[in-house]
PDB file of N, CA and C in Angstrom:
ATOM      1  N   MET A   1      69.363 367.396  93.478  1.00  0.00           N
ATOM      2  CA  MET A   1      70.559 367.143  94.270  1.00  0.00           C
ATOM      3  C   MET A   1      70.164 366.374  95.529  1.00  0.00           C
ATOM      4  N   PRO A   2      70.914 365.374  95.879  1.00  0.00           N
ATOM      5  CA  PRO A   2      70.602 364.605  97.088  1.00  0.00           C
ATOM      6  C   PRO A   2      70.785 365.442  98.344  1.00  0.00           C
ATOM      7  N   LYS A   3      70.113 365.026  99.404  1.00  0.00           N
ATOM      8  CA  LYS A   3      70.183 365.755 100.669  1.00  0.00           C
ATOM      9  C   LYS A   3      71.560 365.692 101.309  1.00  0.00           C
ATOM     10  N   SER A   4      72.354 364.653 100.991  1.00  0.00           N
ATOM     11  CA  SER A   4      73.671 364.493 101.603  1.00  0.00           C
ATOM     12  C   SER A   4      74.688 365.504 101.087  1.00  0.00           C
ATOM     13  N   GLY A   5      74.386 366.179  99.972  1.00  0.00           N
ATOM     14  CA  GLY A   5      75.311 367.143  99.417  1.00  0.00           C
ATOM     15  C   GLY A   5      76.308 366.529  98.451  1.00  0.00           C
ATOM     16  N   THR A   6      76.237 365.230  98.220  1.00  0.00           N
ATOM     17  CA  THR A   6      77.118 364.556  97.283  1.00  0.00           C
ATOM     18  C   THR A   6      76.287 363.783  96.272  1.00  0.00           C
ATOM     19  N   LEU A   7      76.527 364.057  94.999  1.00  0.00           N
ATOM     20  CA  LEU A   7      75.847 363.332  93.944  1.00  0.00           C
ATOM     21  C   LEU A   7      76.602 362.040  93.692  1.00  0.00           C
ATOM     22  N   THR A   8      75.945 360.913  93.872  1.00  0.00           N
ATOM     23  CA  THR A   8      76.582 359.613  93.700  1.00  0.00           C
ATOM     24  C   THR A   8      76.136 358.977  92.385  1.00  0.00           C
ATOM     25  N   LYS A   9      76.826 357.898  92.008  1.00  0.00           N
ATOM     26  CA  LYS A   9      76.444 357.173  90.801  1.00  0.00           C
ATOM     27  C   LYS A   9      75.008 356.664  90.921  1.00  0.00           C
ATOM     28  N   ALA A  10      74.619 356.210  92.092  1.00  0.00           N
ATOM     29  CA  ALA A  10      73.249 355.730  92.310  1.00  0.00           C
ATOM     30  C   ALA A  10      72.233 356.846  92.072  1.00  0.00           C
ATOM     31  N   HIS A  11      72.552 358.076  92.517  1.00  0.00           N
ATOM     32  CA  HIS A  11      71.654 359.203  92.289  1.00  0.00           C
ATOM     33  C   HIS A  11      71.546 359.508  90.795  1.00  0.00           C
ATOM     34  N   ILE A  12      72.667 359.422  90.083  1.00  0.00           N
ATOM     35  CA  ILE A  12      72.662 359.674  88.635  1.00  0.00           C
ATOM     36  C   ILE A  12      71.807 358.627  87.932  1.00  0.00           C
ATOM     37  N   ILE A  13      71.976 357.369  88.301  1.00  0.00           N
ATOM     38  CA  ILE A  13      71.191 356.285  87.701  1.00  0.00           C
ATOM     39  C   ILE A  13      69.699 356.519  87.925  1.00  0.00           C
ATOM     40  N   ASP A  14      69.321 356.882  89.142  1.00  0.00           N
ATOM     41  CA  ASP A  14      67.907 357.150  89.446  1.00  0.00           C
ATOM     42  C   ASP A  14      67.379 358.325  88.626  1.00  0.00           C
ATOM     43  N   ALA A  15      68.186 359.383  88.485  1.00  0.00           N
ATOM     44  CA  ALA A  15      67.761 360.560  87.725  1.00  0.00           C
ATOM     45  C   ALA A  15      67.604 360.238  86.241  1.00  0.00           C
ATOM     46  N   VAL A  16      68.518 359.431  85.692  1.00  0.00           N
ATOM     47  CA  VAL A  16      68.417 359.023  84.283  1.00  0.00           C
ATOM     48  C   VAL A  16      67.149 358.207  84.076  1.00  0.00           C
ATOM     49  N   ALA A  17      66.869 357.292  84.985  1.00  0.00           N
ATOM     50  CA  ALA A  17      65.662 356.467  84.879  1.00  0.00           C
ATOM     51  C   ALA A  17      64.413 357.335  84.926  1.00  0.00           C
ATOM     52  N   GLU A  18      64.374 358.251  85.868  1.00  0.00           N
ATOM     53  CA  GLU A  18      63.195 359.091  86.051  1.00  0.00           C
ATOM     54  C   GLU A  18      62.987 360.048  84.881  1.00  0.00           C
ATOM     55  N   SER A  19      64.045 360.719  84.433  1.00  0.00           N
ATOM     56  CA  SER A  19      63.876 361.732  83.386  1.00  0.00           C
ATOM     57  C   SER A  19      63.669 361.140  82.001  1.00  0.00           C
ATOM     58  N   ASN A  20      64.112 359.899  81.770  1.00  0.00           N
ATOM     59  CA  ASN A  20      63.970 359.296  80.449  1.00  0.00           C
ATOM     60  C   ASN A  20      62.951 358.170  80.392  1.00  0.00           C
ATOM     61  N   GLY A  21      62.382 357.813  81.521  1.00  0.00           N
ATOM     62  CA  GLY A  21      61.416 356.730  81.554  1.00  0.00           C
ATOM     63  C   GLY A  21      62.054 355.364  81.341  1.00  0.00           C
ATOM     64  N   TYR A  22      63.351 355.274  81.627  1.00  0.00           N
ATOM     65  CA  TYR A  22      64.074 354.009  81.482  1.00  0.00           C
ATOM     66  C   TYR A  22      63.813 353.115  82.692  1.00  0.00           C
ATOM     67  N   THR A  23      64.003 351.812  82.471  1.00  0.00           N
ATOM     68  CA  THR A  23      64.013 350.898  83.608  1.00  0.00           C
ATOM     69  C   THR A  23      65.319 351.142  84.364  1.00  0.00           C
ATOM     70  N   ARG A  24      65.385 350.663  85.580  1.00  0.00           N
ATOM     71  CA  ARG A  24      66.621 350.831  86.363  1.00  0.00           C
ATOM     72  C   ARG A  24      67.785 350.127  85.662  1.00  0.00           C
ATOM     73  N   LYS A  25      67.518 348.950  85.093  1.00  0.00           N
ATOM     74  CA  LYS A  25      68.565 348.197  84.400  1.00  0.00           C
ATOM     75  C   LYS A  25      69.106 348.988  83.209  1.00  0.00           C
ATOM     76  N   LYS A  26      68.216 349.589  82.423  1.00  0.00           N
ATOM     77  CA  LYS A  26      68.619 350.382  81.254  1.00  0.00           C
ATOM     78  C   LYS A  26      69.411 351.612  81.701  1.00  0.00           C
ATOM     79  N   SER A  27      69.005 352.230  82.802  1.00  0.00           N
ATOM     80  CA  SER A  27      69.717 353.395  83.329  1.00  0.00           C
ATOM     81  C   SER A  27      71.115 353.019  83.793  1.00  0.00           C
ATOM     82  N   ILE A  28      71.236 351.879  84.461  1.00  0.00           N
ATOM     83  CA  ILE A  28      72.551 351.413  84.916  1.00  0.00           C
ATOM     84  C   ILE A  28      73.459 351.192  83.712  1.00  0.00           C
ATOM     85  N   GLU A  29      72.942 350.536  82.672  1.00  0.00           N
ATOM     86  CA  GLU A  29      73.730 350.288  81.464  1.00  0.00           C
ATOM     87  C   GLU A  29      74.175 351.597  80.815  1.00  0.00           C
ATOM     88  N   THR A  30      73.283 352.566  80.752  1.00  0.00           N
ATOM     89  CA  THR A  30      73.584 353.857  80.131  1.00  0.00           C
ATOM     90  C   THR A  30      74.682 354.589  80.897  1.00  0.00           C
ATOM     91  N   VAL A  31      74.533 354.691  82.207  1.00  0.00           N
ATOM     92  CA  VAL A  31      75.513 355.393  83.027  1.00  0.00           C
ATOM     93  C   VAL A  31      76.855 354.661  83.003  1.00  0.00           C
ATOM     94  N   GLU A  32      76.832 353.347  83.117  1.00  0.00           N
ATOM     95  CA  GLU A  32      78.080 352.568  83.088  1.00  0.00           C
ATOM     96  C   GLU A  32      78.795 352.728  81.743  1.00  0.00           C
ATOM     97  N   THR A  33      78.050 352.745  80.650  1.00  0.00           N
ATOM     98  CA  THR A  33      78.645 352.933  79.327  1.00  0.00           C
ATOM     99  C   THR A  33      79.314 354.294  79.227  1.00  0.00           C
ATOM    100  N   LEU A  34      78.636 355.324  79.680  1.00  0.00           N
ATOM    101  CA  LEU A  34      79.199 356.673  79.661  1.00  0.00           C
ATOM    102  C   LEU A  34      80.479 356.749  80.486  1.00  0.00           C
ATOM    103  N   LEU A  35      80.448 356.219  81.704  1.00  0.00           N
ATOM    104  CA  LEU A  35      81.631 356.262  82.564  1.00  0.00           C
ATOM    105  C   LEU A  35      82.777 355.449  81.975  1.00  0.00           C
ATOM    106  N   GLU A  36      82.475 354.331  81.347  1.00  0.00           N
ATOM    107  CA  GLU A  36      83.506 353.508  80.722  1.00  0.00           C
ATOM    108  C   GLU A  36      84.156 354.239  79.551  1.00  0.00           C
ATOM    109  N   LEU A  37      83.362 354.946  78.754  1.00  0.00           N
ATOM    110  CA  LEU A  37      83.905 355.742  77.650  1.00  0.00           C
ATOM    111  C   LEU A  37      84.860 356.820  78.173  1.00  0.00           C
ATOM    112  N   ILE A  38      84.460 357.492  79.243  1.00  0.00           N
ATOM    113  CA  ILE A  38      85.306 358.524  79.837  1.00  0.00           C
ATOM    114  C   ILE A  38      86.599 357.912  80.362  1.00  0.00           C
ATOM    115  N   LYS A  39      86.500 356.791  81.077  1.00  0.00           N
ATOM    116  CA  LYS A  39      87.695 356.134  81.629  1.00  0.00           C
ATOM    117  C   LYS A  39      88.650 355.705  80.526  1.00  0.00           C
ATOM    118  N   ARG A  40      88.119 355.078  79.466  1.00  0.00           N
ATOM    119  CA  ARG A  40      88.974 354.610  78.369  1.00  0.00           C
ATOM    120  C   ARG A  40      89.681 355.770  77.684  1.00  0.00           C
ATOM    121  N   SER A  41      88.969 356.865  77.482  1.00  0.00           N
ATOM    122  CA  SER A  41      89.568 358.042  76.847  1.00  0.00           C
ATOM    123  C   SER A  41      90.707 358.591  77.696  1.00  0.00           C
ATOM    124  N   LEU A  42      90.478 358.715  78.998  1.00  0.00           N
ATOM    125  CA  LEU A  42      91.513 359.237  79.892  1.00  0.00           C
ATOM    126  C   LEU A  42      92.698 358.282  79.970  1.00  0.00           C
ATOM    127  N   GLU A  43      92.434 356.971  80.016  1.00  0.00           N
ATOM    128  CA  GLU A  43      93.520 355.981  80.063  1.00  0.00           C
ATOM    129  C   GLU A  43      94.414 356.068  78.838  1.00  0.00           C
ATOM    130  N   SER A  44      93.825 356.384  77.681  1.00  0.00           N
ATOM    131  CA  SER A  44      94.614 356.468  76.449  1.00  0.00           C
ATOM    132  C   SER A  44      95.239 357.851  76.269  1.00  0.00           C
ATOM    133  N   GLY A  45      95.055 358.731  77.239  1.00  0.00           N
ATOM    134  CA  GLY A  45      95.675 360.054  77.194  1.00  0.00           C
ATOM    135  C   GLY A  45      94.848 361.116  76.498  1.00  0.00           C
ATOM    136  N   GLU A  46      93.639 360.766  76.078  1.00  0.00           N
ATOM    137  CA  GLU A  46      92.761 361.734  75.422  1.00  0.00           C
ATOM    138  C   GLU A  46      92.061 362.606  76.459  1.00  0.00           C
ATOM    139  N   ASP A  47      91.807 363.858  76.082  1.00  0.00           N
ATOM    140  CA  ASP A  47      91.000 364.740  76.916  1.00  0.00           C
ATOM    141  C   ASP A  47      89.533 364.400  76.710  1.00  0.00           C
ATOM    142  N   VAL A  48      88.705 364.716  77.700  1.00  0.00           N
ATOM    143  CA  VAL A  48      87.263 364.518  77.595  1.00  0.00           C
ATOM    144  C   VAL A  48      86.611 365.889  77.756  1.00  0.00           C
ATOM    145  N   LEU A  49      85.994 366.362  76.673  1.00  0.00           N
ATOM    146  CA  LEU A  49      85.349 367.668  76.661  1.00  0.00           C
ATOM    147  C   LEU A  49      83.842 367.482  76.646  1.00  0.00           C
ATOM    148  N   ILE A  50      83.171 368.040  77.642  1.00  0.00           N
ATOM    149  CA  ILE A  50      81.712 368.006  77.710  1.00  0.00           C
ATOM    150  C   ILE A  50      81.240 369.454  77.639  1.00  0.00           C
ATOM    151  N   SER A  51      80.717 369.837  76.477  1.00  0.00           N
ATOM    152  CA  SER A  51      80.312 371.226  76.245  1.00  0.00           C
ATOM    153  C   SER A  51      79.351 371.705  77.322  1.00  0.00           C
ATOM    154  N   GLY A  52      79.579 372.914  77.794  1.00  0.00           N
ATOM    155  CA  GLY A  52      78.729 373.503  78.817  1.00  0.00           C
ATOM    156  C   GLY A  52      79.028 373.009  80.221  1.00  0.00           C
ATOM    157  N   PHE A  53      79.965 372.064  80.336  1.00  0.00           N
ATOM    158  CA  PHE A  53      80.318 371.512  81.649  1.00  0.00           C
ATOM    159  C   PHE A  53      81.798 371.713  81.938  1.00  0.00           C
ATOM    160  N   GLY A  54      82.661 371.103  81.121  1.00  0.00           N
ATOM    161  CA  GLY A  54      84.085 371.281  81.338  1.00  0.00           C
ATOM    162  C   GLY A  54      84.912 370.250  80.599  1.00  0.00           C
ATOM    163  N   LYS A  55      86.206 370.235  80.913  1.00  0.00           N
ATOM    164  CA  LYS A  55      87.154 369.379  80.220  1.00  0.00           C
ATOM    165  C   LYS A  55      88.022 368.635  81.239  1.00  0.00           C
ATOM    166  N   PHE A  56      88.071 367.313  81.106  1.00  0.00           N
ATOM    167  CA  PHE A  56      88.944 366.478  81.920  1.00  0.00           C
ATOM    168  C   PHE A  56      90.225 366.240  81.127  1.00  0.00           C
ATOM    169  N   CYS A  57      91.372 366.463  81.739  1.00  0.00           N
ATOM    170  CA  CYS A  57      92.658 366.297  81.072  1.00  0.00           C
ATOM    171  C   CYS A  57      93.567 365.423  81.925  1.00  0.00           C
ATOM    172  N   VAL A  58      94.423 364.640  81.245  1.00  0.00           N
ATOM    173  CA  VAL A  58      95.430 363.841  81.941  1.00  0.00           C
ATOM    174  C   VAL A  58      96.730 364.634  81.901  1.00  0.00           C
ATOM    175  N   LYS A  59      97.331 364.852  83.066  1.00  0.00           N
ATOM    176  CA  LYS A  59      98.590 365.590  83.174  1.00  0.00           C
ATOM    177  C   LYS A  59      99.645 364.681  83.786  1.00  0.00           C
ATOM    178  N   GLU A  60     100.893 364.885  83.363  1.00  0.00           N
ATOM    179  CA  GLU A  60     102.030 364.140  83.903  1.00  0.00           C
ATOM    180  C   GLU A  60     102.622 364.927  85.069  1.00  0.00           C
ATOM    181  N   LYS A  61     102.787 364.291  86.204  1.00  0.00           N
ATOM    182  CA  LYS A  61     103.462 364.907  87.352  1.00  0.00           C
ATOM    183  C   LYS A  61     104.864 364.318  87.412  1.00  0.00           C
ATOM    184  N   ALA A  62     105.856 365.172  87.489  1.00  0.00           N
ATOM    185  CA  ALA A  62     107.250 364.724  87.536  1.00  0.00           C
ATOM    186  C   ALA A  62     107.594 364.194  88.926  1.00  0.00           C
ATOM    187  N   GLU A  63     108.707 363.459  88.988  1.00  0.00           N
ATOM    188  CA  GLU A  63     109.219 363.002  90.278  1.00  0.00           C
ATOM    189  C   GLU A  63     109.564 364.237  91.109  1.00  0.00           C
ATOM    190  N   ARG A  64     109.280 364.183  92.396  1.00  0.00           N
ATOM    191  CA  ARG A  64     109.580 365.341  93.254  1.00  0.00           C
ATOM    192  C   ARG A  64     109.827 364.906  94.681  1.00  0.00           C
ATOM    193  N   ARG A  65     110.427 365.817  95.421  1.00  0.00           N
ATOM    194  CA  ARG A  65     110.656 365.552  96.845  1.00  0.00           C
ATOM    195  C   ARG A  65     109.378 365.836  97.608  1.00  0.00           C
ATOM    196  N   GLY A  66     109.111 365.012  98.593  1.00  0.00           N
ATOM    197  CA  GLY A  66     107.938 365.192  99.428  1.00  0.00           C
ATOM    198  C   GLY A  66     108.283 364.884 100.877  1.00  0.00           C
ATOM    199  N   ARG A  67     107.269 364.919 101.714  1.00  0.00           N
ATOM    200  CA  ARG A  67     107.472 364.655 103.133  1.00  0.00           C
ATOM    201  C   ARG A  67     106.256 363.922 103.659  1.00  0.00           C
ATOM    202  N   ASN A  68     106.501 362.873 104.437  1.00  0.00           N
ATOM    203  CA  ASN A  68     105.418 362.146 105.074  1.00  0.00           C
ATOM    204  C   ASN A  68     104.901 363.020 106.221  1.00  0.00           C
ATOM    205  N   PRO A  69     103.650 363.476 106.149  1.00  0.00           N
ATOM    206  CA  PRO A  69     103.139 364.372 107.198  1.00  0.00           C
ATOM    207  C   PRO A  69     103.040 363.714 108.571  1.00  0.00           C
ATOM    208  N   ALA A  70     102.891 362.401 108.601  1.00  0.00           N
ATOM    209  CA  ALA A  70     102.765 361.713 109.888  1.00  0.00           C
ATOM    210  C   ALA A  70     104.100 361.599 110.607  1.00  0.00           C
ATOM    211  N   THR A  71     105.155 361.331 109.833  1.00  0.00           N
ATOM    212  CA  THR A  71     106.471 361.114 110.464  1.00  0.00           C
ATOM    213  C   THR A  71     107.434 362.274 110.259  1.00  0.00           C
ATOM    214  N   GLY A  72     107.173 363.109 109.260  1.00  0.00           N
ATOM    215  CA  GLY A  72     108.077 364.204 108.944  1.00  0.00           C
ATOM    216  C   GLY A  72     109.271 363.750 108.108  1.00  0.00           C
ATOM    217  N   LYS A  73     109.321 362.482 107.755  1.00  0.00           N
ATOM    218  CA  LYS A  73     110.445 361.926 106.998  1.00  0.00           C
ATOM    219  C   LYS A  73     110.371 362.365 105.528  1.00  0.00           C
ATOM    220  N   ASP A  74     111.528 362.796 104.964  1.00  0.00           N
ATOM    221  CA  ASP A  74     111.602 363.166 103.553  1.00  0.00           C
ATOM    222  C   ASP A  74     111.541 361.919 102.690  1.00  0.00           C
ATOM    223  N   LEU A  75     110.943 362.057 101.502  1.00  0.00           N
ATOM    224  CA  LEU A  75     110.880 360.947 100.570  1.00  0.00           C
ATOM    225  C   LEU A  75     110.764 361.486  99.155  1.00  0.00           C
ATOM    226  N   ILE A  76     110.963 360.603  98.182  1.00  0.00           N
ATOM    227  CA  ILE A  76     110.834 360.973  96.774  1.00  0.00           C
ATOM    228  C   ILE A  76     109.507 360.408  96.261  1.00  0.00           C
ATOM    229  N   LEU A  77     108.682 361.298  95.707  1.00  0.00           N
ATOM    230  CA  LEU A  77     107.403 360.887  95.122  1.00  0.00           C
ATOM    231  C   LEU A  77     107.649 360.542  93.656  1.00  0.00           C
ATOM    232  N   SER A  78     107.243 359.361  93.240  1.00  0.00           N
ATOM    233  CA  SER A  78     107.483 358.921  91.873  1.00  0.00           C
ATOM    234  C   SER A  78     106.600 359.674  90.883  1.00  0.00           C
ATOM    235  N   PRO A  79     107.035 359.719  89.618  1.00  0.00           N
ATOM    236  CA  PRO A  79     106.212 360.391  88.608  1.00  0.00           C
ATOM    237  C   PRO A  79     104.883 359.656  88.461  1.00  0.00           C
ATOM    238  N   ARG A  80     103.848 360.411  88.116  1.00  0.00           N
ATOM    239  CA  ARG A  80     102.534 359.797  87.980  1.00  0.00           C
ATOM    240  C   ARG A  80     101.651 360.661  87.094  1.00  0.00           C
ATOM    241  N   LYS A  81     100.535 360.096  86.719  1.00  0.00           N
ATOM    242  CA  LYS A  81      99.534 360.825  85.941  1.00  0.00           C
ATOM    243  C   LYS A  81      98.389 361.211  86.870  1.00  0.00           C
ATOM    244  N   VAL A  82      97.841 362.386  86.624  1.00  0.00           N
ATOM    245  CA  VAL A  82      96.684 362.846  87.389  1.00  0.00           C
ATOM    246  C   VAL A  82      95.629 363.371  86.419  1.00  0.00           C
ATOM    247  N   VAL A  83      94.388 363.338  86.836  1.00  0.00           N
ATOM    248  CA  VAL A  83      93.301 363.893  86.033  1.00  0.00           C
ATOM    249  C   VAL A  83      92.953 365.260  86.609  1.00  0.00           C
ATOM    250  N   THR A  84      92.896 366.259  85.720  1.00  0.00           N
ATOM    251  CA  THR A  84      92.505 367.600  86.129  1.00  0.00           C
ATOM    252  C   THR A  84      91.182 367.949  85.472  1.00  0.00           C
ATOM    253  N   PHE A  85      90.501 368.929  86.016  1.00  0.00           N
ATOM    254  CA  PHE A  85      89.225 369.373  85.468  1.00  0.00           C
ATOM    255  C   PHE A  85      89.252 370.880  85.316  1.00  0.00           C
ATOM    256  N   LYS A  86      88.898 371.346  84.124  1.00  0.00           N
ATOM    257  CA  LYS A  86      88.747 372.786  83.871  1.00  0.00           C
ATOM    258  C   LYS A  86      87.277 373.022  83.562  1.00  0.00           C
ATOM    259  N   TRP A  87      86.630 373.831  84.366  1.00  0.00           N
ATOM    260  CA  TRP A  87      85.211 374.063  84.151  1.00  0.00           C
ATOM    261  C   TRP A  87      84.979 375.006  82.980  1.00  0.00           C
ATOM    262  N   SER A  88      83.820 374.858  82.335  1.00  0.00           N
ATOM    263  CA  SER A  88      83.484 375.705  81.197  1.00  0.00           C
ATOM    264  C   SER A  88      83.041 377.073  81.699  1.00  0.00           C
ATOM    265  N   GLY A  89      83.039 378.025  80.794  1.00  0.00           N
ATOM    266  CA  GLY A  89      82.562 379.364  81.136  1.00  0.00           C
ATOM    267  C   GLY A  89      81.113 379.345  81.579  1.00  0.00           C
ATOM    268  N   LYS A  90      80.295 378.494  80.932  1.00  0.00           N
ATOM    269  CA  LYS A  90      78.872 378.410  81.300  1.00  0.00           C
ATOM    270  C   LYS A  90      78.692 377.877  82.717  1.00  0.00           C
ATOM    271  N   LEU A  91      79.463 376.838  83.074  1.00  0.00           N
ATOM    272  CA  LEU A  91      79.368 376.280  84.426  1.00  0.00           C
ATOM    273  C   LEU A  91      79.869 377.294  85.449  1.00  0.00           C
ATOM    274  N   LYS A  92      80.968 377.950  85.118  1.00  0.00           N
ATOM    275  CA  LYS A  92      81.537 378.970  86.013  1.00  0.00           C
ATOM    276  C   LYS A  92      80.507 380.065  86.280  1.00  0.00           C
ATOM    277  N   GLU A  93      79.840 380.500  85.227  1.00  0.00           N
ATOM    278  CA  GLU A  93      78.826 381.545  85.366  1.00  0.00           C
ATOM    279  C   GLU A  93      77.655 381.076  86.237  1.00  0.00           C
ATOM    280  N   LYS A  94      77.205 379.825  86.008  1.00  0.00           N
ATOM    281  CA  LYS A  94      76.095 379.292  86.811  1.00  0.00           C
ATOM    282  C   LYS A  94      76.455 379.206  88.279  1.00  0.00           C
ATOM    283  N   LEU A  95      77.670 378.726  88.569  1.00  0.00           N
ATOM    284  CA  LEU A  95      78.079 378.558  89.960  1.00  0.00           C
ATOM    285  C   LEU A  95      78.320 379.889  90.652  1.00  0.00           C
ATOM    286  N   ASN A  96      78.674 380.903  89.883  1.00  0.00           N
ATOM    287  CA  ASN A  96      78.971 382.201  90.477  1.00  0.00           C
ATOM    288  C   ASN A  96      77.814 383.178  90.394  1.00  0.00           C
ATOM    289  N   THR A  97      76.632 382.729  90.008  1.00  0.00           N
ATOM    290  CA  THR A  97      75.455 383.575  90.008  1.00  0.00           C
ATOM    291  C   THR A  97      74.760 383.412  91.353  1.00  0.00           C
ATOM    292  N   LYS A  98      75.465 383.780  92.381  1.00  0.00           N
ATOM    293  CA  LYS A  98      74.945 383.751  93.751  1.00  0.00           C
ATOM    294  C   LYS A  98      74.650 385.198  94.140  1.00  0.00           C
ATOM    295  N   THR A  99      74.339 385.422  95.370  1.00  0.00           N
ATOM    296  CA  THR A  99      74.122 386.784  95.828  1.00  0.00           C
ATOM    297  C   THR A  99      75.451 387.394  96.232  1.00  0.00           C
ATOM    298  N   ASN A 100      75.586 388.695  96.007  1.00  0.00           N
ATOM    299  CA  ASN A 100      76.819 389.370  96.409  1.00  0.00           C
ATOM    300  C   ASN A 100      76.738 389.753  97.881  1.00  0.00           C
ATOM    301  N   ASN A 101      77.724 390.462  98.362  1.00  0.00           N
ATOM    302  CA  ASN A 101      77.819 390.791  99.798  1.00  0.00           C
ATOM    303  C   ASN A 101      76.621 391.549 100.326  1.00  0.00           C
ATOM    304  N   LYS A 102      75.950 392.328  99.495  1.00  0.00           N
ATOM    305  CA  LYS A 102      74.816 393.131  99.961  1.00  0.00           C
ATOM    306  C   LYS A 102      73.500 392.366  99.887  1.00  0.00           C
ATOM    307  N   GLY A 103      73.538 391.117  99.430  1.00  0.00           N
ATOM    308  CA  GLY A 103      72.332 390.313  99.390  1.00  0.00           C
ATOM    309  C   GLY A 103      71.520 390.491  98.133  1.00  0.00           C
ATOM    310  N   LYS A 104      72.031 391.306  97.190  1.00  0.00           N
ATOM    311  CA  LYS A 104      71.341 391.511  95.924  1.00  0.00           C
ATOM    312  C   LYS A 104      71.858 390.521  94.914  1.00  0.00           C
ATOM    313  N   GLU A 105      70.983 390.052  94.036  1.00  0.00           N
ATOM    314  CA  GLU A 105      71.390 389.090  93.029  1.00  0.00           C
ATOM    315  C   GLU A 105      72.183 389.794  91.936  1.00  0.00           C
ATOM    316  N   LYS A 106      73.256 389.154  91.464  1.00  0.00           N
ATOM    317  CA  LYS A 106      74.058 389.732  90.396  1.00  0.00           C
ATOM    318  C   LYS A 106      73.278 389.701  89.109  1.00  0.00           C
ATOM    319  N   THR A 107      73.454 390.709  88.309  1.00  0.00           N
ATOM    320  CA  THR A 107      72.831 390.764  86.990  1.00  0.00           C
ATOM    321  C   THR A 107      73.913 390.943  85.942  1.00  0.00           C
ATOM    322  N   ARG A 108      73.614 390.516  84.755  1.00  0.00           N
ATOM    323  CA  ARG A 108      74.588 390.648  83.645  1.00  0.00           C
ATOM    324  C   ARG A 108      73.947 391.392  82.533  1.00  0.00           C
TER     325      ARG A 108
END
């Protein structure tokens, strides 16, 4: 994980190159291909399921009333599509295997 606390595409490319012995160019192509596949699937309305990680889904948001927080003026928000993420049970378990309030590690 990078020191900044945010994993970027550049960090992913470097990690792919290092762990697979790829050149930087080959790593860029690999990561770009993967991201393009995910984008195309979501654009066509397909879900993207990555076992052990989670599922990206496209959801329809209906038209609704909203408010501009800067001006307080009411407005109508148009319908739109959004991408949601549901994490897998394995990822949920990994992220929640922290220490509890007493400082002892959780066991299963």
